[in-house]
Amino acid sequence: MDAVIVRIGNSRGVRLPKPLIEEAGLGERVSLRVVEEGLLIEPRSEVRAGWDAAARLARHRDDDLVTESWPTTHFEISEWEWEAADLDV
């Protein structure tokens, strides 16, 4: 399929037919990169896609507390001092 590069302000753009956009799974935002064959346009996945649904599900299961256990560091053992909390709110 051929396309024409059109002027858009100081930039240039290519109009993509809707069926081609749908077939490629492109949304509102895309990722562009230069490859040996030319320019590659890929769907851009959102970094936190699905986090809201996962958080709601965790809350529904009453499992929304952070439960990761990290190893204790030397700093925490020998240097860290907890301050008493001021509970007069």
PDB file of N, CA and C in Angstrom:
ATOM      1  N   MET A   1       0.845  -1.167   0.000  1.00  0.00           N
ATOM      2  CA  MET A   1       0.000   0.000   0.000  1.00  0.00           C
ATOM      3  C   MET A   1       0.894   1.235   0.000  1.00  0.00           C
ATOM      4  N   ASP A   2       0.630   2.165  -0.839  1.00  0.00           N
ATOM      5  CA  ASP A   2       1.385   3.409  -0.921  1.00  0.00           C
ATOM      6  C   ASP A   2       0.653   4.502  -0.151  1.00  0.00           C
ATOM      7  N   ALA A   3       1.413   5.467   0.331  1.00  0.00           N
ATOM      8  CA  ALA A   3       0.842   6.607   1.042  1.00  0.00           C
ATOM      9  C   ALA A   3       1.645   7.846   0.674  1.00  0.00           C
ATOM     10  N   VAL A   4       1.084   8.985   0.961  1.00  0.00           N
ATOM     11  CA  VAL A   4       1.737  10.257   0.673  1.00  0.00           C
ATOM     12  C   VAL A   4       2.120  10.905   1.998  1.00  0.00           C
ATOM     13  N   ILE A   5       3.341  11.440   2.073  1.00  0.00           N
ATOM     14  CA  ILE A   5       3.761  12.197   3.247  1.00  0.00           C
ATOM     15  C   ILE A   5       3.219  13.608   3.088  1.00  0.00           C
ATOM     16  N   VAL A   6       2.424  14.057   4.080  1.00  0.00           N
ATOM     17  CA  VAL A   6       1.768  15.364   4.003  1.00  0.00           C
ATOM     18  C   VAL A   6       2.370  16.315   5.035  1.00  0.00           C
ATOM     19  N   ARG A   7       2.273  17.611   4.757  1.00  0.00           N
ATOM     20  CA  ARG A   7       2.783  18.634   5.659  1.00  0.00           C
ATOM     21  C   ARG A   7       1.758  18.860   6.779  1.00  0.00           C
ATOM     22  N   ILE A   8       2.265  18.868   8.017  1.00  0.00           N
ATOM     23  CA  ILE A   8       1.449  19.179   9.192  1.00  0.00           C
ATOM     24  C   ILE A   8       2.254  20.192  10.002  1.00  0.00           C
ATOM     25  N   GLY A   9       2.016  21.465   9.773  1.00  0.00           N
ATOM     26  CA  GLY A   9       2.826  22.506  10.406  1.00  0.00           C
ATOM     27  C   GLY A   9       4.258  22.400   9.915  1.00  0.00           C
ATOM     28  N   ASN A  10       5.215  22.358  10.844  1.00  0.00           N
ATOM     29  CA  ASN A  10       6.615  22.192  10.479  1.00  0.00           C
ATOM     30  C   ASN A  10       7.013  20.725  10.349  1.00  0.00           C
ATOM     31  N   SER A  11       6.081  19.825  10.630  1.00  0.00           N
ATOM     32  CA  SER A  11       6.350  18.393  10.584  1.00  0.00           C
ATOM     33  C   SER A  11       5.736  17.775   9.340  1.00  0.00           C
ATOM     34  N   ARG A  12       5.838  16.479   9.246  1.00  0.00           N
ATOM     35  CA  ARG A  12       5.221  15.722   8.159  1.00  0.00           C
ATOM     36  C   ARG A  12       4.460  14.560   8.775  1.00  0.00           C
ATOM     37  N   GLY A  13       3.493  14.068   8.071  1.00  0.00           N
ATOM     38  CA  GLY A  13       2.705  12.947   8.567  1.00  0.00           C
ATOM     39  C   GLY A  13       2.257  12.051   7.442  1.00  0.00           C
ATOM     40  N   VAL A  14       1.816  10.869   7.806  1.00  0.00           N
ATOM     41  CA  VAL A  14       1.271   9.904   6.851  1.00  0.00           C
ATOM     42  C   VAL A  14      -0.123   9.540   7.332  1.00  0.00           C
ATOM     43  N   ARG A  15      -1.098   9.630   6.452  1.00  0.00           N
ATOM     44  CA  ARG A  15      -2.467   9.237   6.798  1.00  0.00           C
ATOM     45  C   ARG A  15      -2.574   7.728   6.654  1.00  0.00           C
ATOM     46  N   LEU A  16      -3.041   7.095   7.733  1.00  0.00           N
ATOM     47  CA  LEU A  16      -3.193   5.647   7.731  1.00  0.00           C
ATOM     48  C   LEU A  16      -4.674   5.299   7.608  1.00  0.00           C
ATOM     49  N   PRO A  17      -5.032   4.424   6.687  1.00  0.00           N
ATOM     50  CA  PRO A  17      -6.436   4.017   6.560  1.00  0.00           C
ATOM     51  C   PRO A  17      -6.915   3.295   7.825  1.00  0.00           C
ATOM     52  N   LYS A  18      -8.159   3.537   8.215  1.00  0.00           N
ATOM     53  CA  LYS A  18      -8.721   2.960   9.430  1.00  0.00           C
ATOM     54  C   LYS A  18      -8.585   1.429   9.470  1.00  0.00           C
ATOM     55  N   PRO A  19      -8.873   0.702   8.379  1.00  0.00           N
ATOM     56  CA  PRO A  19      -8.725  -0.756   8.440  1.00  0.00           C
ATOM     57  C   PRO A  19      -7.285  -1.186   8.755  1.00  0.00           C
ATOM     58  N   LEU A  20      -6.307  -0.441   8.253  1.00  0.00           N
ATOM     59  CA  LEU A  20      -4.907  -0.756   8.523  1.00  0.00           C
ATOM     60  C   LEU A  20      -4.576  -0.500   9.998  1.00  0.00           C
ATOM     61  N   ILE A  21      -5.097   0.580  10.551  1.00  0.00           N
ATOM     62  CA  ILE A  21      -4.897   0.894  11.966  1.00  0.00           C
ATOM     63  C   ILE A  21      -5.493  -0.203  12.847  1.00  0.00           C
ATOM     64  N   GLU A  22      -6.702  -0.618  12.518  1.00  0.00           N
ATOM     65  CA  GLU A  22      -7.367  -1.662  13.299  1.00  0.00           C
ATOM     66  C   GLU A  22      -6.629  -2.989  13.188  1.00  0.00           C
ATOM     67  N   GLU A  23      -6.206  -3.353  11.990  1.00  0.00           N
ATOM     68  CA  GLU A  23      -5.499  -4.620  11.788  1.00  0.00           C
ATOM     69  C   GLU A  23      -4.167  -4.648  12.542  1.00  0.00           C
ATOM     70  N   ALA A  24      -3.511  -3.493  12.626  1.00  0.00           N
ATOM     71  CA  ALA A  24      -2.226  -3.409  13.326  1.00  0.00           C
ATOM     72  C   ALA A  24      -2.402  -3.252  14.835  1.00  0.00           C
ATOM     73  N   GLY A  25      -3.617  -3.029  15.299  1.00  0.00           N
ATOM     74  CA  GLY A  25      -3.876  -2.866  16.722  1.00  0.00           C
ATOM     75  C   GLY A  25      -3.344  -1.558  17.277  1.00  0.00           C
ATOM     76  N   LEU A  26      -3.344  -0.509  16.459  1.00  0.00           N
ATOM     77  CA  LEU A  26      -2.847   0.787  16.898  1.00  0.00           C
ATOM     78  C   LEU A  26      -3.942   1.551  17.629  1.00  0.00           C
ATOM     79  N   GLY A  27      -3.540   2.262  18.689  1.00  0.00           N
ATOM     80  CA  GLY A  27      -4.475   3.093  19.431  1.00  0.00           C
ATOM     81  C   GLY A  27      -4.154   4.551  19.189  1.00  0.00           C
ATOM     82  N   GLU A  28      -4.448   5.383  20.177  1.00  0.00           N
ATOM     83  CA  GLU A  28      -4.187   6.817  20.064  1.00  0.00           C
ATOM     84  C   GLU A  28      -2.700   7.133  20.070  1.00  0.00           C
ATOM     85  N   ARG A  29      -1.914   6.341  20.785  1.00  0.00           N
ATOM     86  CA  ARG A  29      -0.470   6.581  20.875  1.00  0.00           C
ATOM     87  C   ARG A  29       0.262   5.379  20.294  1.00  0.00           C
ATOM     88  N   VAL A  30       1.361   5.671  19.618  1.00  0.00           N
ATOM     89  CA  VAL A  30       2.166   4.614  19.011  1.00  0.00           C
ATOM     90  C   VAL A  30       3.638   4.826  19.368  1.00  0.00           C
ATOM     91  N   SER A  31       4.418   3.807  19.131  1.00  0.00           N
ATOM     92  CA  SER A  31       5.855   3.882  19.317  1.00  0.00           C
ATOM     93  C   SER A  31       6.495   3.846  17.933  1.00  0.00           C
ATOM     94  N   LEU A  32       7.439   4.744  17.694  1.00  0.00           N
ATOM     95  CA  LEU A  32       8.126   4.813  16.401  1.00  0.00           C
ATOM     96  C   LEU A  32       9.596   4.496  16.597  1.00  0.00           C
ATOM     97  N   ARG A  33      10.161   3.734  15.668  1.00  0.00           N
ATOM     98  CA  ARG A  33      11.603   3.520  15.689  1.00  0.00           C
ATOM     99  C   ARG A  33      12.095   3.208  14.293  1.00  0.00           C
ATOM    100  N   VAL A  34      13.313   3.592  14.059  1.00  0.00           N
ATOM    101  CA  VAL A  34      13.941   3.345  12.767  1.00  0.00           C
ATOM    102  C   VAL A  34      14.552   1.950  12.799  1.00  0.00           C
ATOM    103  N   VAL A  35      14.239   1.173  11.786  1.00  0.00           N
ATOM    104  CA  VAL A  35      14.808  -0.166  11.619  1.00  0.00           C
ATOM    105  C   VAL A  35      15.524  -0.201  10.279  1.00  0.00           C
ATOM    106  N   GLU A  36      16.230  -1.272  10.025  1.00  0.00           N
ATOM    107  CA  GLU A  36      17.008  -1.368   8.783  1.00  0.00           C
ATOM    108  C   GLU A  36      16.140  -1.178   7.540  1.00  0.00           C
ATOM    109  N   GLU A  37      14.917  -1.671   7.595  1.00  0.00           N
ATOM    110  CA  GLU A  37      14.021  -1.597   6.439  1.00  0.00           C
ATOM    111  C   GLU A  37      13.322  -0.252   6.306  1.00  0.00           C
ATOM    112  N   GLY A  38      13.363   0.583   7.344  1.00  0.00           N
ATOM    113  CA  GLY A  38      12.686   1.873   7.277  1.00  0.00           C
ATOM    114  C   GLY A  38      12.195   2.311   8.630  1.00  0.00           C
ATOM    115  N   LEU A  39      10.921   2.644   8.732  1.00  0.00           N
ATOM    116  CA  LEU A  39      10.310   3.137   9.961  1.00  0.00           C
ATOM    117  C   LEU A  39       9.277   2.123  10.434  1.00  0.00           C
ATOM    118  N   LEU A  40       9.339   1.778  11.722  1.00  0.00           N
ATOM    119  CA  LEU A  40       8.405   0.819  12.293  1.00  0.00           C
ATOM    120  C   LEU A  40       7.457   1.556  13.229  1.00  0.00           C
ATOM    121  N   ILE A  41       6.154   1.359  13.029  1.00  0.00           N
ATOM    122  CA  ILE A  41       5.118   1.931  13.885  1.00  0.00           C
ATOM    123  C   ILE A  41       4.499   0.779  14.653  1.00  0.00           C
ATOM    124  N   GLU A  42       4.569   0.852  15.986  1.00  0.00           N
ATOM    125  CA  GLU A  42       4.049  -0.226  16.820  1.00  0.00           C
ATOM    126  C   GLU A  42       3.028   0.313  17.813  1.00  0.00           C
ATOM    127  N   PRO A  43       2.087  -0.551  18.242  1.00  0.00           N
ATOM    128  CA  PRO A  43       1.173  -0.123  19.301  1.00  0.00           C
ATOM    129  C   PRO A  43       1.977   0.193  20.552  1.00  0.00           C
ATOM    130  N   ARG A  44       1.590   1.219  21.265  1.00  0.00           N
ATOM    131  CA  ARG A  44       2.274   1.590  22.498  1.00  0.00           C
ATOM    132  C   ARG A  44       1.453   1.098  23.670  1.00  0.00           C
ATOM    133  N   SER A  45       2.029   0.196  24.416  1.00  0.00           N
ATOM    134  CA  SER A  45       1.314  -0.285  25.589  1.00  0.00           C
ATOM    135  C   SER A  45       1.529   0.693  26.731  1.00  0.00           C
ATOM    136  N   GLU A  46       0.484   0.958  27.457  1.00  0.00           N
ATOM    137  CA  GLU A  46       0.577   1.860  28.586  1.00  0.00           C
ATOM    138  C   GLU A  46       1.310   1.150  29.711  1.00  0.00           C
ATOM    139  N   VAL A  47       2.201   1.872  30.353  1.00  0.00           N
ATOM    140  CA  VAL A  47       3.057   1.293  31.387  1.00  0.00           C
ATOM    141  C   VAL A  47       2.239   0.670  32.504  1.00  0.00           C
ATOM    142  N   ARG A  48       1.199   1.330  32.918  1.00  0.00           N
ATOM    143  CA  ARG A  48       0.406   0.847  34.049  1.00  0.00           C
ATOM    144  C   ARG A  48      -0.946   0.285  33.608  1.00  0.00           C
ATOM    145  N   ALA A  49      -1.023  -0.176  32.392  1.00  0.00           N
ATOM    146  CA  ALA A  49      -2.283  -0.724  31.888  1.00  0.00           C
ATOM    147  C   ALA A  49      -2.717  -1.899  32.756  1.00  0.00           C
ATOM    148  N   GLY A  50      -3.948  -1.876  33.205  1.00  0.00           N
ATOM    149  CA  GLY A  50      -4.503  -2.968  33.994  1.00  0.00           C
ATOM    150  C   GLY A  50      -4.282  -2.843  35.492  1.00  0.00           C
ATOM    151  N   TRP A  51      -3.485  -1.862  35.911  1.00  0.00           N
ATOM    152  CA  TRP A  51      -3.219  -1.719  37.345  1.00  0.00           C
ATOM    153  C   TRP A  51      -4.483  -1.372  38.117  1.00  0.00           C
ATOM    154  N   ASP A  52      -5.355  -0.542  37.534  1.00  0.00           N
ATOM    155  CA  ASP A  52      -6.563  -0.146  38.251  1.00  0.00           C
ATOM    156  C   ASP A  52      -7.461  -1.347  38.516  1.00  0.00           C
ATOM    157  N   ALA A  53      -7.610  -2.207  37.511  1.00  0.00           N
ATOM    158  CA  ALA A  53      -8.443  -3.403  37.680  1.00  0.00           C
ATOM    159  C   ALA A  53      -7.824  -4.356  38.696  1.00  0.00           C
ATOM    160  N   ALA A  54      -6.506  -4.503  38.671  1.00  0.00           N
ATOM    161  CA  ALA A  54      -5.821  -5.384  39.622  1.00  0.00           C
ATOM    162  C   ALA A  54      -5.976  -4.852  41.047  1.00  0.00           C
ATOM    163  N   ALA A  55      -5.896  -3.534  41.218  1.00  0.00           N
ATOM    164  CA  ALA A  55      -6.050  -2.943  42.546  1.00  0.00           C
ATOM    165  C   ALA A  55      -7.471  -3.136  43.064  1.00  0.00           C
ATOM    166  N   ARG A  56      -8.456  -2.958  42.202  1.00  0.00           N
ATOM    167  CA  ARG A  56      -9.853  -3.171  42.613  1.00  0.00           C
ATOM    168  C   ARG A  56     -10.075  -4.624  43.015  1.00  0.00           C
ATOM    169  N   LEU A  57      -9.523  -5.565  42.248  1.00  0.00           N
ATOM    170  CA  LEU A  57      -9.672  -6.979  42.559  1.00  0.00           C
ATOM    171  C   LEU A  57      -8.993  -7.308  43.890  1.00  0.00           C
ATOM    172  N   ALA A  58      -7.801  -6.758  44.114  1.00  0.00           N
ATOM    173  CA  ALA A  58      -7.092  -7.001  45.369  1.00  0.00           C
ATOM    174  C   ALA A  58      -7.908  -6.458  46.536  1.00  0.00           C
ATOM    175  N   ARG A  59      -8.488  -5.263  46.359  1.00  0.00           N
ATOM    176  CA  ARG A  59      -9.297  -4.673  47.423  1.00  0.00           C
ATOM    177  C   ARG A  59     -10.529  -5.526  47.691  1.00  0.00           C
ATOM    178  N   HIS A  60     -11.160  -6.027  46.639  1.00  0.00           N
ATOM    179  CA  HIS A  60     -12.336  -6.882  46.783  1.00  0.00           C
ATOM    180  C   HIS A  60     -11.986  -8.145  47.565  1.00  0.00           C
ATOM    181  N   ARG A  61     -10.787  -8.662  47.364  1.00  0.00           N
ATOM    182  CA  ARG A  61     -10.334  -9.875  48.062  1.00  0.00           C
ATOM    183  C   ARG A  61      -9.731  -9.554  49.425  1.00  0.00           C
ATOM    184  N   ASP A  62      -9.756  -8.271  49.821  1.00  0.00           N
ATOM    185  CA  ASP A  62      -9.139  -7.812  51.066  1.00  0.00           C
ATOM    186  C   ASP A  62      -7.660  -8.184  51.104  1.00  0.00           C
ATOM    187  N   ASP A  63      -7.020  -8.049  49.949  1.00  0.00           N
ATOM    188  CA  ASP A  63      -5.609  -8.408  49.800  1.00  0.00           C
ATOM    189  C   ASP A  63      -4.854  -7.229  49.204  1.00  0.00           C
ATOM    190  N   ASP A  64      -5.150  -6.023  49.687  1.00  0.00           N
ATOM    191  CA  ASP A  64      -4.558  -4.839  49.089  1.00  0.00           C
ATOM    192  C   ASP A  64      -3.431  -4.240  49.928  1.00  0.00           C
ATOM    193  N   LEU A  65      -2.870  -5.009  50.834  1.00  0.00           N
ATOM    194  CA  LEU A  65      -1.725  -4.539  51.600  1.00  0.00           C
ATOM    195  C   LEU A  65      -0.443  -4.950  50.896  1.00  0.00           C
ATOM    196  N   VAL A  66       0.588  -4.147  51.036  1.00  0.00           N
ATOM    197  CA  VAL A  66       1.877  -4.495  50.459  1.00  0.00           C
ATOM    198  C   VAL A  66       2.449  -5.632  51.291  1.00  0.00           C
ATOM    199  N   THR A  67       2.720  -6.752  50.643  1.00  0.00           N
ATOM    200  CA  THR A  67       3.188  -7.919  51.385  1.00  0.00           C
ATOM    201  C   THR A  67       4.558  -8.385  50.939  1.00  0.00           C
ATOM    202  N   GLU A  68       5.226  -7.587  50.133  1.00  0.00           N
ATOM    203  CA  GLU A  68       6.548  -7.991  49.687  1.00  0.00           C
ATOM    204  C   GLU A  68       7.493  -7.987  50.878  1.00  0.00           C
ATOM    205  N   SER A  69       8.328  -8.990  50.949  1.00  0.00           N
ATOM    206  CA  SER A  69       9.315  -9.014  52.028  1.00  0.00           C
ATOM    207  C   SER A  69      10.689  -8.850  51.407  1.00  0.00           C
ATOM    208  N   TRP A  70      11.316  -7.753  51.737  1.00  0.00           N
ATOM    209  CA  TRP A  70      12.651  -7.460  51.242  1.00  0.00           C
ATOM    210  C   TRP A  70      13.658  -7.863  52.296  1.00  0.00           C
ATOM    211  N   PRO A  71      14.816  -8.316  51.893  1.00  0.00           N
ATOM    212  CA  PRO A  71      15.827  -8.650  52.894  1.00  0.00           C
ATOM    213  C   PRO A  71      16.256  -7.398  53.657  1.00  0.00           C
ATOM    214  N   THR A  72      16.549  -7.578  54.929  1.00  0.00           N
ATOM    215  CA  THR A  72      17.008  -6.478  55.758  1.00  0.00           C
ATOM    216  C   THR A  72      18.411  -6.080  55.339  1.00  0.00           C
ATOM    217  N   THR A  73      18.642  -4.785  55.256  1.00  0.00           N
ATOM    218  CA  THR A  73      19.954  -4.294  54.836  1.00  0.00           C
ATOM    219  C   THR A  73      20.818  -3.968  56.055  1.00  0.00           C
ATOM    220  N   HIS A  74      22.110  -3.829  55.841  1.00  0.00           N
ATOM    221  CA  HIS A  74      23.048  -3.448  56.902  1.00  0.00           C
ATOM    222  C   HIS A  74      22.637  -2.105  57.499  1.00  0.00           C
ATOM    223  N   PHE A  75      22.210  -1.185  56.665  1.00  0.00           N
ATOM    224  CA  PHE A  75      21.781   0.135  57.135  1.00  0.00           C
ATOM    225  C   PHE A  75      20.625   0.000  58.124  1.00  0.00           C
ATOM    226  N   GLU A  76      19.646  -0.835  57.784  1.00  0.00           N
ATOM    227  CA  GLU A  76      18.484  -0.991  58.663  1.00  0.00           C
ATOM    228  C   GLU A  76      18.871  -1.625  60.001  1.00  0.00           C
ATOM    229  N   ILE A  77      19.821  -2.526  59.973  1.00  0.00           N
ATOM    230  CA  ILE A  77      20.229  -3.215  61.196  1.00  0.00           C
ATOM    231  C   ILE A  77      21.067  -2.319  62.092  1.00  0.00           C
ATOM    232  N   SER A  78      22.046  -1.625  61.515  1.00  0.00           N
ATOM    233  CA  SER A  78      23.020  -0.932  62.354  1.00  0.00           C
ATOM    234  C   SER A  78      22.857   0.582  62.427  1.00  0.00           C
ATOM    235  N   GLU A  79      22.196   1.211  61.484  1.00  0.00           N
ATOM    236  CA  GLU A  79      22.193   2.669  61.459  1.00  0.00           C
ATOM    237  C   GLU A  79      20.825   3.314  61.606  1.00  0.00           C
ATOM    238  N   TRP A  80      19.785   2.638  61.212  1.00  0.00           N
ATOM    239  CA  TRP A  80      18.454   3.248  61.209  1.00  0.00           C
ATOM    240  C   TRP A  80      17.887   3.324  62.613  1.00  0.00           C
ATOM    241  N   GLU A  81      17.297   4.475  62.959  1.00  0.00           N
ATOM    242  CA  GLU A  81      16.628   4.636  64.244  1.00  0.00           C
ATOM    243  C   GLU A  81      15.224   5.167  63.990  1.00  0.00           C
ATOM    244  N   TRP A  82      14.236   4.474  64.509  1.00  0.00           N
ATOM    245  CA  TRP A  82      12.851   4.918  64.374  1.00  0.00           C
ATOM    246  C   TRP A  82      12.594   6.022  65.383  1.00  0.00           C
ATOM    247  N   GLU A  83      11.884   7.019  64.963  1.00  0.00           N
ATOM    248  CA  GLU A  83      11.473   8.081  65.871  1.00  0.00           C
ATOM    249  C   GLU A  83      10.068   7.784  66.347  1.00  0.00           C
ATOM    250  N   ALA A  84       9.793   8.149  67.579  1.00  0.00           N
ATOM    251  CA  ALA A  84       8.452   7.938  68.122  1.00  0.00           C
ATOM    252  C   ALA A  84       7.457   8.782  67.322  1.00  0.00           C
ATOM    253  N   ALA A  85       6.344   8.191  67.001  1.00  0.00           N
ATOM    254  CA  ALA A  85       5.333   8.906  66.225  1.00  0.00           C
ATOM    255  C   ALA A  85       4.579   9.894  67.120  1.00  0.00           C
ATOM    256  N   ASP A  86       4.286  11.054  66.567  1.00  0.00           N
ATOM    257  CA  ASP A  86       3.502  12.055  67.287  1.00  0.00           C
ATOM    258  C   ASP A  86       2.038  11.798  66.964  1.00  0.00           C
ATOM    259  N   LEU A  87       1.328  11.214  67.896  1.00  0.00           N
ATOM    260  CA  LEU A  87      -0.063  10.806  67.660  1.00  0.00           C
ATOM    261  C   LEU A  87      -1.067  11.872  68.055  1.00  0.00           C
ATOM    262  N   ASP A  88      -0.599  13.038  68.478  1.00  0.00           N
ATOM    263  CA  ASP A  88      -1.497  14.136  68.823  1.00  0.00           C
ATOM    264  C   ASP A  88      -1.944  14.844  67.552  1.00  0.00           C
ATOM    265  N   VAL A  89      -2.984  14.350  66.938  1.00  0.00           N
ATOM    266  CA  VAL A  89      -3.434  14.910  65.672  1.00  0.00           C
ATOM    267  C   VAL A  89      -4.665  15.734  65.890  1.00  0.00           C
TER     268      VAL A  89
END
